N, C-alpha and C. Protein backbone atom coordinates (compact mmCIF):
# COMPACT_ATOMS: atom_id res chain seq x y z
N MET A 1 8.34 30.98 -46.72
CA MET A 1 8.92 30.63 -48.00
C MET A 1 7.83 30.70 -49.04
N SER A 2 8.10 31.42 -50.08
CA SER A 2 7.13 31.59 -51.14
C SER A 2 7.27 30.47 -52.17
N ILE A 3 6.14 29.98 -52.59
CA ILE A 3 6.13 28.93 -53.62
C ILE A 3 5.56 29.56 -54.88
N SER A 4 6.29 29.44 -55.97
CA SER A 4 5.79 30.02 -57.22
C SER A 4 5.18 28.92 -58.08
N ARG A 5 4.24 29.33 -58.88
CA ARG A 5 3.57 28.38 -59.76
C ARG A 5 4.49 27.93 -60.87
N LYS A 6 4.16 26.77 -61.41
CA LYS A 6 4.91 26.27 -62.55
C LYS A 6 4.68 27.22 -63.72
N PRO A 7 5.74 27.61 -64.41
CA PRO A 7 5.56 28.55 -65.52
C PRO A 7 4.69 27.92 -66.62
N THR A 8 3.84 28.75 -67.18
CA THR A 8 2.99 28.25 -68.27
C THR A 8 3.61 28.65 -69.59
N ARG A 9 3.41 27.83 -70.59
CA ARG A 9 3.92 28.14 -71.92
C ARG A 9 2.95 27.59 -72.96
N GLU A 10 3.04 28.17 -74.11
CA GLU A 10 2.19 27.76 -75.22
C GLU A 10 2.55 26.35 -75.66
N LYS A 11 1.57 25.59 -76.11
CA LYS A 11 1.86 24.26 -76.61
C LYS A 11 2.74 24.36 -77.85
N GLY A 12 3.71 23.47 -77.91
CA GLY A 12 4.60 23.44 -79.06
C GLY A 12 5.80 24.36 -78.94
N THR A 13 5.85 25.17 -77.90
CA THR A 13 7.02 26.04 -77.73
C THR A 13 7.93 25.42 -76.68
N GLU A 14 9.20 25.52 -76.91
CA GLU A 14 10.20 24.99 -75.99
C GLU A 14 11.00 26.16 -75.42
N ALA A 15 11.38 26.03 -74.17
CA ALA A 15 12.19 27.05 -73.55
C ALA A 15 13.63 26.90 -74.04
N THR A 16 14.27 28.03 -74.24
CA THR A 16 15.66 28.00 -74.67
C THR A 16 16.55 27.69 -73.47
N PRO A 17 17.76 27.20 -73.72
CA PRO A 17 18.67 26.95 -72.59
C PRO A 17 18.91 28.20 -71.75
N ALA A 18 18.95 29.37 -72.38
CA ALA A 18 19.16 30.61 -71.63
C ALA A 18 17.97 30.89 -70.71
N GLN A 19 16.75 30.61 -71.20
CA GLN A 19 15.56 30.80 -70.37
C GLN A 19 15.54 29.83 -69.19
N LEU A 20 15.93 28.59 -69.46
CA LEU A 20 15.98 27.59 -68.39
C LEU A 20 17.00 27.99 -67.34
N LEU A 21 18.17 28.41 -67.78
CA LEU A 21 19.21 28.82 -66.85
C LEU A 21 18.77 30.03 -66.02
N ALA A 22 18.09 30.99 -66.64
CA ALA A 22 17.60 32.16 -65.93
C ALA A 22 16.57 31.75 -64.88
N PHE A 23 15.72 30.80 -65.22
CA PHE A 23 14.72 30.32 -64.28
C PHE A 23 15.37 29.63 -63.07
N VAL A 24 16.36 28.78 -63.33
CA VAL A 24 17.04 28.06 -62.26
C VAL A 24 17.80 29.02 -61.37
N GLU A 25 18.48 30.00 -61.97
CA GLU A 25 19.28 30.95 -61.20
C GLU A 25 18.43 31.93 -60.41
N LYS A 26 17.17 32.08 -60.81
CA LYS A 26 16.27 32.96 -60.07
C LYS A 26 16.13 32.47 -58.64
N GLY A 27 16.08 31.17 -58.46
CA GLY A 27 16.04 30.60 -57.12
C GLY A 27 14.79 30.99 -56.35
N GLY A 28 14.87 30.84 -55.06
CA GLY A 28 13.75 31.17 -54.20
C GLY A 28 14.25 31.87 -52.96
N SER A 29 13.37 32.09 -52.04
CA SER A 29 13.77 32.77 -50.81
C SER A 29 14.22 31.74 -49.77
N VAL A 30 14.98 32.21 -48.82
CA VAL A 30 15.47 31.36 -47.75
C VAL A 30 14.39 31.24 -46.69
N ALA A 31 14.24 30.06 -46.14
CA ALA A 31 13.23 29.85 -45.10
C ALA A 31 13.53 30.73 -43.90
N ARG A 32 12.47 31.31 -43.32
CA ARG A 32 12.65 32.18 -42.16
C ARG A 32 12.72 31.34 -40.89
N LYS A 33 13.48 31.85 -39.92
CA LYS A 33 13.50 31.21 -38.61
C LYS A 33 12.24 31.61 -37.86
N ALA A 34 11.71 30.69 -37.08
CA ALA A 34 10.53 30.99 -36.29
C ALA A 34 10.89 31.98 -35.18
N ASP A 35 9.96 32.85 -34.88
CA ASP A 35 10.18 33.79 -33.78
C ASP A 35 10.27 33.01 -32.48
N ASP A 36 11.23 33.39 -31.64
CA ASP A 36 11.39 32.70 -30.35
C ASP A 36 10.14 32.86 -29.48
N ALA A 37 9.45 33.98 -29.63
CA ALA A 37 8.27 34.22 -28.81
C ALA A 37 7.12 33.29 -29.21
N SER A 38 7.06 32.90 -30.48
CA SER A 38 5.95 32.07 -30.93
C SER A 38 6.17 30.59 -30.64
N VAL A 39 7.39 30.21 -30.30
CA VAL A 39 7.68 28.81 -30.02
C VAL A 39 7.61 28.60 -28.51
N THR A 40 6.68 27.74 -28.10
CA THR A 40 6.56 27.44 -26.68
C THR A 40 6.97 26.00 -26.48
N LYS A 41 7.77 25.79 -25.46
CA LYS A 41 8.22 24.44 -25.17
C LYS A 41 7.39 23.88 -24.02
N VAL A 42 7.00 22.64 -24.17
CA VAL A 42 6.23 21.97 -23.15
C VAL A 42 7.18 21.05 -22.39
N ALA A 43 7.17 21.16 -21.09
CA ALA A 43 8.04 20.31 -20.28
C ALA A 43 7.54 18.87 -20.36
N GLN A 44 8.44 17.95 -20.57
CA GLN A 44 8.08 16.54 -20.64
C GLN A 44 8.69 15.82 -19.46
N HIS A 45 7.87 15.02 -18.81
CA HIS A 45 8.32 14.26 -17.65
C HIS A 45 7.89 12.81 -17.82
N PRO A 46 8.78 11.97 -18.29
CA PRO A 46 8.40 10.57 -18.48
C PRO A 46 8.15 9.90 -17.13
N LEU A 47 7.14 9.07 -17.09
CA LEU A 47 6.81 8.36 -15.86
C LEU A 47 7.42 6.97 -15.89
N LYS A 48 7.93 6.57 -14.75
CA LYS A 48 8.46 5.21 -14.61
C LYS A 48 7.63 4.54 -13.53
N PHE A 49 6.99 3.45 -13.88
CA PHE A 49 6.12 2.75 -12.94
C PHE A 49 6.90 1.63 -12.27
N PRO A 50 6.71 1.48 -10.95
CA PRO A 50 7.36 0.35 -10.28
C PRO A 50 6.72 -0.96 -10.73
N SER A 51 7.39 -2.04 -10.48
CA SER A 51 6.89 -3.34 -10.92
C SER A 51 5.82 -3.89 -9.99
N SER A 52 5.20 -3.04 -9.17
CA SER A 52 4.20 -3.48 -8.20
C SER A 52 2.81 -3.64 -8.81
N GLY A 53 2.68 -3.48 -10.11
CA GLY A 53 1.38 -3.61 -10.74
C GLY A 53 0.61 -2.31 -10.83
N LEU A 54 1.24 -1.21 -10.49
CA LEU A 54 0.57 0.08 -10.53
C LEU A 54 0.12 0.44 -11.94
N PHE A 55 0.95 0.16 -12.93
CA PHE A 55 0.59 0.48 -14.31
C PHE A 55 -0.63 -0.31 -14.74
N GLU A 56 -0.70 -1.58 -14.38
CA GLU A 56 -1.85 -2.40 -14.75
C GLU A 56 -3.12 -1.88 -14.08
N ARG A 57 -3.01 -1.44 -12.82
CA ARG A 57 -4.16 -0.86 -12.13
C ARG A 57 -4.62 0.42 -12.82
N LEU A 58 -3.67 1.22 -13.25
CA LEU A 58 -4.00 2.45 -13.97
C LEU A 58 -4.75 2.10 -15.26
N GLU A 59 -4.26 1.13 -16.00
CA GLU A 59 -4.89 0.76 -17.26
C GLU A 59 -6.30 0.20 -17.04
N ARG A 60 -6.50 -0.58 -15.98
CA ARG A 60 -7.85 -1.11 -15.69
C ARG A 60 -8.80 0.03 -15.34
N ALA A 61 -8.33 0.97 -14.53
CA ALA A 61 -9.17 2.11 -14.15
C ALA A 61 -9.50 2.97 -15.37
N ARG A 62 -8.54 3.16 -16.22
CA ARG A 62 -8.74 3.97 -17.43
C ARG A 62 -9.74 3.29 -18.37
N ALA A 63 -9.63 1.96 -18.51
CA ALA A 63 -10.52 1.21 -19.40
C ALA A 63 -11.95 1.13 -18.84
N ALA A 64 -12.08 1.23 -17.50
CA ALA A 64 -13.40 1.12 -16.88
C ALA A 64 -14.22 2.40 -17.02
N GLY A 65 -13.60 3.48 -17.42
CA GLY A 65 -14.31 4.75 -17.56
C GLY A 65 -15.31 4.71 -18.70
N PRO A 66 -16.30 5.61 -18.67
CA PRO A 66 -17.32 5.63 -19.73
C PRO A 66 -16.77 6.07 -21.08
N VAL A 67 -15.69 6.84 -21.06
CA VAL A 67 -15.07 7.32 -22.30
C VAL A 67 -13.61 6.92 -22.28
N LYS A 68 -13.14 6.33 -23.37
CA LYS A 68 -11.73 5.91 -23.45
C LYS A 68 -10.90 7.17 -23.67
N LEU A 69 -10.07 7.49 -22.68
CA LEU A 69 -9.21 8.67 -22.74
C LEU A 69 -7.77 8.24 -23.01
N PRO A 70 -7.01 9.08 -23.67
CA PRO A 70 -5.58 8.80 -23.79
C PRO A 70 -4.95 8.76 -22.40
N ARG A 71 -3.93 7.95 -22.25
CA ARG A 71 -3.28 7.77 -20.95
C ARG A 71 -2.81 9.10 -20.37
N ASN A 72 -2.20 9.93 -21.19
CA ASN A 72 -1.69 11.21 -20.71
C ASN A 72 -2.82 12.08 -20.16
N THR A 73 -3.95 12.12 -20.86
CA THR A 73 -5.09 12.91 -20.41
C THR A 73 -5.64 12.37 -19.10
N TRP A 74 -5.74 11.06 -19.00
CA TRP A 74 -6.25 10.43 -17.78
C TRP A 74 -5.35 10.77 -16.59
N ILE A 75 -4.05 10.68 -16.78
CA ILE A 75 -3.10 10.97 -15.70
C ILE A 75 -3.18 12.44 -15.31
N LEU A 76 -3.28 13.34 -16.29
CA LEU A 76 -3.38 14.77 -15.98
C LEU A 76 -4.66 15.07 -15.21
N GLN A 77 -5.77 14.42 -15.57
CA GLN A 77 -7.02 14.61 -14.83
C GLN A 77 -6.88 14.11 -13.39
N ALA A 78 -6.23 12.97 -13.22
CA ALA A 78 -6.04 12.42 -11.87
C ALA A 78 -5.19 13.36 -11.02
N ILE A 79 -4.16 13.92 -11.60
CA ILE A 79 -3.30 14.86 -10.87
C ILE A 79 -4.10 16.10 -10.49
N ALA A 80 -4.89 16.63 -11.44
CA ALA A 80 -5.69 17.83 -11.18
C ALA A 80 -6.70 17.57 -10.07
N GLU A 81 -7.34 16.39 -10.07
CA GLU A 81 -8.30 16.06 -9.02
C GLU A 81 -7.61 15.97 -7.66
N LYS A 82 -6.46 15.37 -7.60
CA LYS A 82 -5.73 15.25 -6.33
C LYS A 82 -5.33 16.63 -5.82
N LEU A 83 -4.83 17.49 -6.69
CA LEU A 83 -4.44 18.84 -6.28
C LEU A 83 -5.65 19.65 -5.80
N ALA A 84 -6.79 19.47 -6.46
CA ALA A 84 -8.01 20.17 -6.05
C ALA A 84 -8.45 19.71 -4.66
N ARG A 85 -8.35 18.42 -4.37
CA ARG A 85 -8.70 17.90 -3.05
C ARG A 85 -7.76 18.46 -1.98
N GLU A 86 -6.49 18.56 -2.29
CA GLU A 86 -5.52 19.06 -1.32
C GLU A 86 -5.72 20.55 -1.03
N GLU A 87 -6.17 21.31 -2.04
CA GLU A 87 -6.37 22.75 -1.87
C GLU A 87 -7.59 23.06 -1.05
N SER A 88 -8.58 22.19 -1.05
CA SER A 88 -9.82 22.49 -0.32
C SER A 88 -9.84 21.93 1.07
């Protein structure tokens, strides 16, 4: 979508109603739809923790690390480490 600059005019001059109407009727372009190829969807899988205290253990382990990581990143790293151990 193209954005046009505000029209400039000389100080002391007023636009006529016909000029204003022409400007309004000029309108703009319609927003383009995004290409389907450029839009990638990420699968989301919400986690549900049992009431056995697993979530609290996860939070303690995450907080004990040298760098505070977002929960999602920490979980993804844990999954990647487990998969790497299983593959070797």
